[in-house]
Amino acid sequence: MPEFSLTPEDVGERLDRYLTRQLPTHSRAYLQQLIAEQQILVNGRTTKPSYHLRAGDRISVSLPPPKPSGLLPQPIPLDVLYEDAYLLVVNKMAGMVVHPSPGNASGTLVNALLAHCPQLSGIGGIERPGIVHRLDKDTSGVIVVAKDDATHRGLARLFADRQVRKRYLAIVQGNIRDAEGVIDAAVGRHPVYRQKMSTHTRVGRQAVTEFRVLERFGLYTLVELQPRTGRTHQIRVHMAAVGHPLLGDPTYGRSQKALQRSPLGHQLAWFRRQALHAWILGLVHPATGEWLECRAPLPADLEQLLAILRREANAGERDVREGVLQGTVCGGTHYG
């Protein structure tokens, strides 16, 4: 039975919000249900999800055994970057949903994992065996999966304590002025469009993203991003907030029609997802104590996108150089 002792920063926080941070593999609704079922006690007594924590409170949690998922294993090919008896690391393809949800009952990463490794951790609940963290459907790259409950708890603690090194690659719109920087802006639900996240929110949580420019293409920029926190859509929201939304982002960037009308639009119209790739994931292995770092190579669609941008950027530089030379010889004033 997990038991938690508070830090001074926890005092005053709602019980259900506190537990969501401490047990990130469980949804807030599920934890509220456990509170109602008296599976979660404060100082040995029942309470409500809205209870505000006080100094000295002791919180005990009794997690019921996971129910059989009923999910069907599907022999979907997986790009496994690393695997041992405790966990595996997968390079998720763009377009694949991580776990079943309304409208995506099959063809998910979980369905593929169950075919590859039937005995996955059950802590994630009925619909998310083994899943410790997520990537958006159209984001490619590294994701780690737990095979047993002890490893799941260890990985969840690393993520909660921000001890996982995560680096992403993204192609964003515009030419970022600074070579590197930090975006520090709270992220929460959009005040009007509730399916979106925003930095303009009534109730936001701290979110910090570091960025570093890797390559410039004039109209677009290749950046490396390191999120210090793990909020929903954090990178996509932060880059849009500073005026450089991800290329192809249907939610926080330009619409497909606007992209087609923009310079290079006719050459980029085929690219229909956010240009975001989870590149590196590093952590201390919860079972062995050794540092584990995995890198996912860029997928073919992002390689093709970069090839187009590099070709057009080089052609533009050639045009500028030729124009300058032509103006010097023919249109300028010659001295000496």
Protein backbone atom coordinates (compact mmCIF):
# COMPACT_ATOMS: atom_id res chain seq x y z
CA MET A 1 0.00 0.00 0.00
CA PRO A 2 1.71 3.25 -1.11
CA GLU A 3 1.89 5.96 1.55
CA PHE A 4 2.86 9.57 0.96
CA SER A 5 4.20 12.26 3.27
CA LEU A 6 3.75 15.89 2.31
CA THR A 7 6.36 18.51 1.55
CA PRO A 8 5.74 22.18 2.42
CA GLU A 9 4.90 22.87 -1.25
CA ASP A 10 2.05 20.33 -1.13
CA VAL A 11 0.16 22.02 1.70
CA GLY A 12 -3.10 23.57 0.51
CA GLU A 13 -3.37 21.50 -2.67
CA ARG A 14 -6.50 19.46 -3.40
CA LEU A 15 -6.14 15.78 -2.59
CA ASP A 16 -7.10 14.56 -6.07
CA ARG A 17 -4.69 16.97 -7.77
CA TYR A 18 -1.87 15.92 -5.46
CA LEU A 19 -2.50 12.23 -6.16
CA THR A 20 -2.55 12.85 -9.91
CA ARG A 21 1.02 14.15 -9.62
CA GLN A 22 2.16 11.35 -7.34
CA LEU A 23 0.48 8.58 -9.37
CA PRO A 24 0.79 9.84 -12.97
CA THR A 25 -0.16 6.47 -14.45
CA HIS A 26 -3.70 6.89 -13.10
CA SER A 27 -6.28 9.38 -14.30
CA ARG A 28 -7.73 11.95 -11.94
CA ALA A 29 -11.22 10.47 -12.45
CA TYR A 30 -9.97 7.02 -11.44
CA LEU A 31 -8.32 8.40 -8.30
CA GLN A 32 -11.51 10.28 -7.40
CA GLN A 33 -13.34 6.97 -7.73
CA LEU A 34 -10.87 5.31 -5.34
CA ILE A 35 -11.39 8.15 -2.84
CA ALA A 36 -15.15 7.63 -3.04
CA GLU A 37 -14.66 3.87 -2.53
CA GLN A 38 -12.57 4.59 0.60
CA GLN A 39 -9.45 3.08 -0.98
CA ILE A 40 -7.57 6.32 -0.28
CA LEU A 41 -7.35 7.59 3.29
CA VAL A 42 -5.91 10.71 4.90
CA ASN A 43 -4.60 10.08 8.40
CA GLY A 44 -6.50 6.79 8.37
CA ARG A 45 -9.84 8.46 7.64
CA THR A 46 -12.05 8.81 4.59
CA THR A 47 -12.33 12.20 2.95
CA LYS A 48 -13.36 13.93 -0.31
CA PRO A 49 -11.38 14.60 -3.51
CA SER A 50 -11.66 18.33 -2.78
CA TYR A 51 -9.98 18.04 0.63
CA HIS A 52 -7.14 20.57 0.93
CA LEU A 53 -3.97 19.04 2.33
CA ARG A 54 -2.54 20.15 5.66
CA ALA A 55 0.94 19.93 7.13
CA GLY A 56 1.56 16.51 8.65
CA ASP A 57 -1.12 14.69 6.66
CA ARG A 58 -0.36 11.05 5.82
CA ILE A 59 -2.00 9.67 2.69
CA SER A 60 -2.38 5.93 2.15
CA VAL A 61 -3.53 4.43 -1.13
CA SER A 62 -4.87 0.91 -1.63
CA LEU A 63 -4.73 0.12 -5.34
CA PRO A 64 -7.01 -2.75 -6.38
CA PRO A 65 -5.53 -5.39 -8.70
CA PRO A 66 -5.95 -4.47 -12.38
CA LYS A 67 -8.85 -5.99 -14.26
CA PRO A 68 -8.30 -8.07 -17.40
CA SER A 69 -8.14 -5.65 -20.29
CA GLY A 70 -10.00 -7.64 -22.92
CA LEU A 71 -7.78 -5.98 -25.54
CA LEU A 72 -6.86 -7.98 -28.60
CA PRO A 73 -3.21 -8.52 -29.48
CA GLN A 74 -2.48 -7.51 -33.06
CA PRO A 75 0.67 -8.53 -34.97
CA ILE A 76 1.60 -4.96 -35.93
CA PRO A 77 5.33 -4.48 -36.68
CA LEU A 78 7.25 -2.65 -33.96
CA ASP A 79 10.59 -0.85 -34.21
CA VAL A 80 12.11 -1.97 -30.89
CA LEU A 81 15.14 0.11 -29.90
CA TYR A 82 15.86 -1.74 -26.64
CA GLU A 83 14.35 -4.61 -24.67
CA ASP A 84 15.13 -6.60 -21.53
CA ALA A 85 13.14 -8.53 -18.92
CA TYR A 86 11.80 -5.33 -17.34
CA LEU A 87 10.98 -2.88 -20.11
CA LEU A 88 11.19 -2.13 -23.77
CA VAL A 89 11.76 1.06 -25.73
CA VAL A 90 9.95 1.52 -29.03
CA ASN A 91 10.30 3.95 -31.92
CA LYS A 92 6.61 4.76 -32.47
CA MET A 93 5.56 5.55 -36.01
CA ALA A 94 3.58 8.70 -36.77
CA GLY A 95 -0.13 8.03 -37.12
CA MET A 96 -0.25 5.34 -34.43
CA VAL A 97 -2.37 5.99 -31.33
CA VAL A 98 -0.68 4.88 -28.10
CA HIS A 99 -3.66 3.22 -26.41
CA PRO A 100 -7.29 2.45 -27.30
CA SER A 101 -9.77 5.29 -26.98
CA PRO A 102 -13.15 6.18 -28.50
CA GLY A 103 -12.70 6.02 -32.25
CA ASN A 104 -9.42 4.09 -31.95
CA ALA A 105 -10.36 0.68 -30.56
CA SER A 106 -7.65 -1.21 -32.46
CA GLY A 107 -4.41 -0.70 -34.35
CA THR A 108 -2.84 1.06 -31.36
CA LEU A 109 0.61 0.68 -29.85
CA VAL A 110 -0.95 -1.27 -26.96
CA ASN A 111 -2.49 -3.78 -29.37
CA ALA A 112 0.91 -4.26 -31.00
CA LEU A 113 2.68 -4.55 -27.64
CA LEU A 114 0.30 -7.24 -26.41
CA ALA A 115 1.21 -9.36 -29.43
CA HIS A 116 4.91 -8.75 -28.87
CA CYS A 117 4.87 -9.16 -25.08
CA PRO A 118 1.60 -10.51 -23.61
CA GLN A 119 2.62 -9.94 -19.96
CA LEU A 120 2.67 -6.16 -19.58
CA SER A 121 2.30 -4.09 -16.42
CA GLY A 122 -1.32 -3.64 -15.38
CA ILE A 123 -0.91 -0.46 -13.36
CA GLY A 124 -2.08 1.70 -16.25
CA GLY A 125 -5.58 0.27 -15.92
CA ILE A 126 -7.83 -1.57 -18.29
CA GLU A 127 -6.98 0.39 -21.43
CA ARG A 128 -3.29 1.13 -20.91
CA PRO A 129 -1.24 -1.94 -19.98
CA GLY A 130 2.45 -1.04 -19.71
CA ILE A 131 1.99 2.59 -20.76
CA VAL A 132 3.90 5.02 -18.55
CA HIS A 133 3.86 8.12 -20.78
CA ARG A 134 2.37 9.05 -24.13
CA LEU A 135 3.15 10.62 -27.47
CA ASP A 136 0.52 12.31 -29.62
CA LYS A 137 -0.85 10.21 -32.47
CA ASP A 138 1.07 12.14 -35.14
CA THR A 139 4.30 12.51 -33.17
CA SER A 140 6.92 9.88 -33.95
CA GLY A 141 9.76 8.64 -31.80
CA VAL A 142 10.89 7.10 -28.52
CA ILE A 143 8.47 5.72 -25.94
CA VAL A 144 9.25 3.41 -23.00
CA VAL A 145 6.94 0.60 -21.85
CA ALA A 146 6.96 -1.33 -18.55
CA LYS A 147 6.68 -5.11 -18.48
CA ASP A 148 5.93 -5.50 -14.76
CA ASP A 149 4.34 -3.47 -11.99
CA ALA A 150 7.56 -2.75 -10.09
CA THR A 151 9.22 -1.34 -13.21
CA HIS A 152 6.08 0.64 -13.98
CA ARG A 153 6.18 2.28 -10.54
CA GLY A 154 9.88 3.02 -10.93
CA LEU A 155 9.43 4.61 -14.34
CA ALA A 156 6.40 6.60 -13.17
CA ARG A 157 8.44 7.99 -10.29
CA LEU A 158 11.24 9.05 -12.65
CA PHE A 159 8.78 10.92 -14.85
CA ALA A 160 7.04 12.50 -11.84
CA ASP A 161 10.39 13.65 -10.42
CA ARG A 162 11.50 15.00 -13.84
CA GLN A 163 14.48 12.68 -13.95
CA VAL A 164 13.90 11.52 -17.53
CA ARG A 165 15.99 13.19 -20.24
CA LYS A 166 13.78 13.89 -23.26
CA ARG A 167 14.89 15.64 -26.44
CA TYR A 168 12.74 16.30 -29.48
CA LEU A 169 13.41 17.51 -33.01
CA ALA A 170 10.91 19.81 -34.69
CA ILE A 171 10.58 21.91 -37.81
CA VAL A 172 8.84 25.17 -36.98
CA GLN A 173 7.53 28.03 -39.06
CA GLY A 174 9.58 31.18 -39.34
CA ASN A 175 13.19 32.06 -38.62
CA ILE A 176 13.76 31.97 -34.85
CA ARG A 177 15.77 35.03 -33.84
CA ASP A 178 17.74 33.55 -30.94
CA ALA A 179 20.09 30.59 -31.26
CA GLU A 180 18.76 29.13 -28.01
CA GLY A 181 16.43 30.02 -25.18
CA VAL A 182 13.87 28.94 -22.60
CA ILE A 183 10.09 29.23 -22.84
CA ASP A 184 8.52 29.45 -19.38
CA ALA A 185 4.73 29.73 -19.66
CA ALA A 186 2.03 27.85 -17.79
CA VAL A 187 -0.13 25.53 -19.91
CA GLY A 188 -3.76 24.64 -19.30
CA ARG A 189 -7.08 24.19 -21.06
CA HIS A 190 -7.98 26.85 -23.62
CA PRO A 191 -10.62 29.12 -22.05
CA VAL A 192 -12.94 28.75 -25.08
CA TYR A 193 -11.87 25.69 -27.13
CA ARG A 194 -11.70 23.09 -24.38
CA GLN A 195 -10.18 20.39 -26.58
CA LYS A 196 -7.09 22.57 -26.99
CA MET A 197 -4.35 23.61 -24.58
CA SER A 198 -3.10 27.17 -24.28
CA THR A 199 -0.77 29.52 -22.42
CA HIS A 200 -3.76 31.85 -22.11
CA THR A 201 -5.64 29.81 -19.56
CA ARG A 202 -7.55 30.40 -16.35
CA VAL A 203 -5.91 27.50 -14.55
CA GLY A 204 -2.49 26.50 -15.86
CA ARG A 205 0.38 24.38 -14.62
CA GLN A 206 4.02 25.39 -14.84
CA ALA A 207 5.58 24.39 -18.15
CA VAL A 208 9.17 24.98 -19.26
CA THR A 209 10.76 24.13 -22.61
CA GLU A 210 14.36 24.71 -23.68
CA PHE A 211 15.11 25.17 -27.39
CA ARG A 212 18.22 25.29 -29.55
CA VAL A 213 18.37 26.13 -33.25
CA LEU A 214 20.07 23.43 -35.32
CA GLU A 215 19.49 24.64 -38.87
CA ARG A 216 17.81 27.60 -40.57
CA PHE A 217 15.95 27.55 -43.88
CA GLY A 218 14.71 31.13 -44.04
CA LEU A 219 10.99 30.41 -43.81
CA TYR A 220 11.44 27.46 -41.44
CA THR A 221 13.81 26.37 -38.66
CA LEU A 222 14.96 22.99 -37.38
CA VAL A 223 15.13 23.05 -33.57
CA GLU A 224 16.05 20.72 -30.76
CA LEU A 225 13.64 20.93 -27.82
CA GLN A 226 14.04 19.73 -24.26
CA PRO A 227 10.88 19.91 -22.14
CA ARG A 228 11.64 20.21 -18.44
CA THR A 229 7.98 19.47 -17.65
CA GLY A 230 5.50 17.15 -19.32
CA ARG A 231 2.26 18.99 -19.96
CA THR A 232 -0.22 17.92 -22.62
CA HIS A 233 0.82 19.30 -26.04
CA GLN A 234 3.50 21.35 -24.25
CA ILE A 235 5.98 21.70 -27.12
CA ARG A 236 3.28 22.43 -29.68
CA VAL A 237 1.62 25.04 -27.45
CA HIS A 238 4.88 26.72 -26.44
CA MET A 239 6.21 27.06 -29.97
CA ALA A 240 2.89 28.47 -31.18
CA ALA A 241 2.87 30.90 -28.24
CA VAL A 242 6.21 32.42 -29.30
CA GLY A 243 5.08 32.75 -32.91
CA HIS A 244 6.76 29.66 -34.34
CA PRO A 245 4.16 26.87 -34.54
CA LEU A 246 5.22 23.46 -35.77
CA LEU A 247 5.06 22.91 -39.49
CA GLY A 248 1.98 20.84 -40.30
CA ASP A 249 0.37 21.20 -36.86
CA PRO A 250 -3.39 21.10 -37.56
CA THR A 251 -4.35 22.33 -34.07
CA TYR A 252 -1.86 25.05 -33.17
CA GLY A 253 -0.39 26.01 -36.56
CA ARG A 254 -1.62 27.13 -39.94
CA SER A 255 -4.51 25.35 -41.60
CA GLN A 256 -3.71 23.11 -44.54
CA LYS A 257 -5.22 25.66 -46.94
CA ALA A 258 -3.13 28.47 -45.48
CA LEU A 259 -0.02 26.33 -45.74
CA GLN A 260 -0.71 25.59 -49.41
CA ARG A 261 -1.02 29.33 -50.13
CA SER A 262 2.29 30.09 -48.41
CA PRO A 263 5.71 30.07 -50.10
CA LEU A 264 6.78 26.45 -50.74
CA GLY A 265 3.18 25.45 -49.99
CA HIS A 266 2.88 23.42 -53.18
CA GLN A 267 5.99 21.45 -52.23
CA LEU A 268 4.89 20.82 -48.65
CA ALA A 269 1.20 20.03 -49.19
CA TRP A 270 1.84 16.29 -48.92
CA PHE A 271 3.06 16.64 -45.31
CA ARG A 272 -0.01 16.35 -43.08
CA ARG A 273 1.19 15.99 -39.48
CA GLN A 274 3.05 18.10 -36.96
CA ALA A 275 6.78 17.96 -37.70
CA LEU A 276 7.71 16.65 -34.26
CA HIS A 277 9.90 13.67 -33.39
CA ALA A 278 10.80 12.31 -29.94
CA TRP A 279 14.50 11.89 -30.64
CA ILE A 280 16.25 10.90 -27.38
CA LEU A 281 15.03 9.37 -24.15
CA GLY A 282 17.44 8.73 -21.29
CA LEU A 283 16.85 7.51 -17.74
CA VAL A 284 18.29 5.46 -14.91
CA HIS A 285 16.97 1.92 -15.40
CA PRO A 286 14.63 1.32 -12.43
CA ALA A 287 15.72 -2.33 -12.08
CA THR A 288 19.47 -2.24 -12.85
CA GLY A 289 20.37 1.31 -11.80
CA GLU A 290 22.31 1.80 -15.03
CA TRP A 291 21.89 4.76 -17.39
CA LEU A 292 19.79 3.83 -20.43
CA GLU A 293 19.62 6.16 -23.41
CA CYS A 294 17.85 5.42 -26.70
CA ARG A 295 17.73 7.44 -29.91
CA ALA A 296 15.17 7.12 -32.66
CA PRO A 297 16.38 8.05 -36.17
CA LEU A 298 14.33 10.56 -38.09
CA PRO A 299 11.49 8.91 -40.03
CA ALA A 300 11.48 9.03 -43.81
CA ASP A 301 8.84 11.77 -44.07
CA LEU A 302 10.85 14.19 -41.93
CA GLU A 303 14.05 13.36 -43.83
CA GLN A 304 12.22 14.14 -47.07
CA LEU A 305 10.87 17.37 -45.61
CA LEU A 306 14.36 18.48 -44.57
CA ALA A 307 15.74 17.62 -48.01
CA ILE A 308 13.15 19.91 -49.65
CA LEU A 309 13.84 22.78 -47.22
CA ARG A 310 17.62 22.47 -47.66
CA ARG A 311 17.34 22.43 -51.44
CA GLU A 312 15.10 25.50 -51.51
CA ALA A 313 17.26 27.36 -48.96
CA ASN A 314 20.39 26.68 -51.01
CA ALA A 315 18.64 27.77 -54.20
CA GLY A 316 17.55 31.00 -52.50
CA GLU A 317 21.09 31.71 -51.35
CA ARG A 318 22.34 31.12 -54.92
CA ASP A 319 19.77 33.56 -56.27
CA VAL A 320 20.83 36.21 -53.75
CA ARG A 321 24.53 35.74 -54.50
CA GLU A 322 23.94 35.90 -58.26
CA GLY A 323 21.75 39.01 -57.85
CA VAL A 324 24.40 40.78 -55.80
CA LEU A 325 27.08 39.96 -58.35
CA GLN A 326 24.89 41.08 -61.21
CA GLY A 327 24.09 44.39 -59.47
CA THR A 328 27.78 45.04 -58.78
CA VAL A 329 28.85 44.57 -62.38
CA CYS A 330 25.92 46.00 -64.26
CA GLY A 331 23.88 48.26 -62.04
CA GLY A 332 26.30 49.61 -59.48
CA THR A 333 28.84 52.42 -59.57
CA HIS A 334 32.40 51.32 -60.26
CA TYR A 335 35.19 53.10 -58.41
CA GLY A 336 38.86 52.98 -59.27
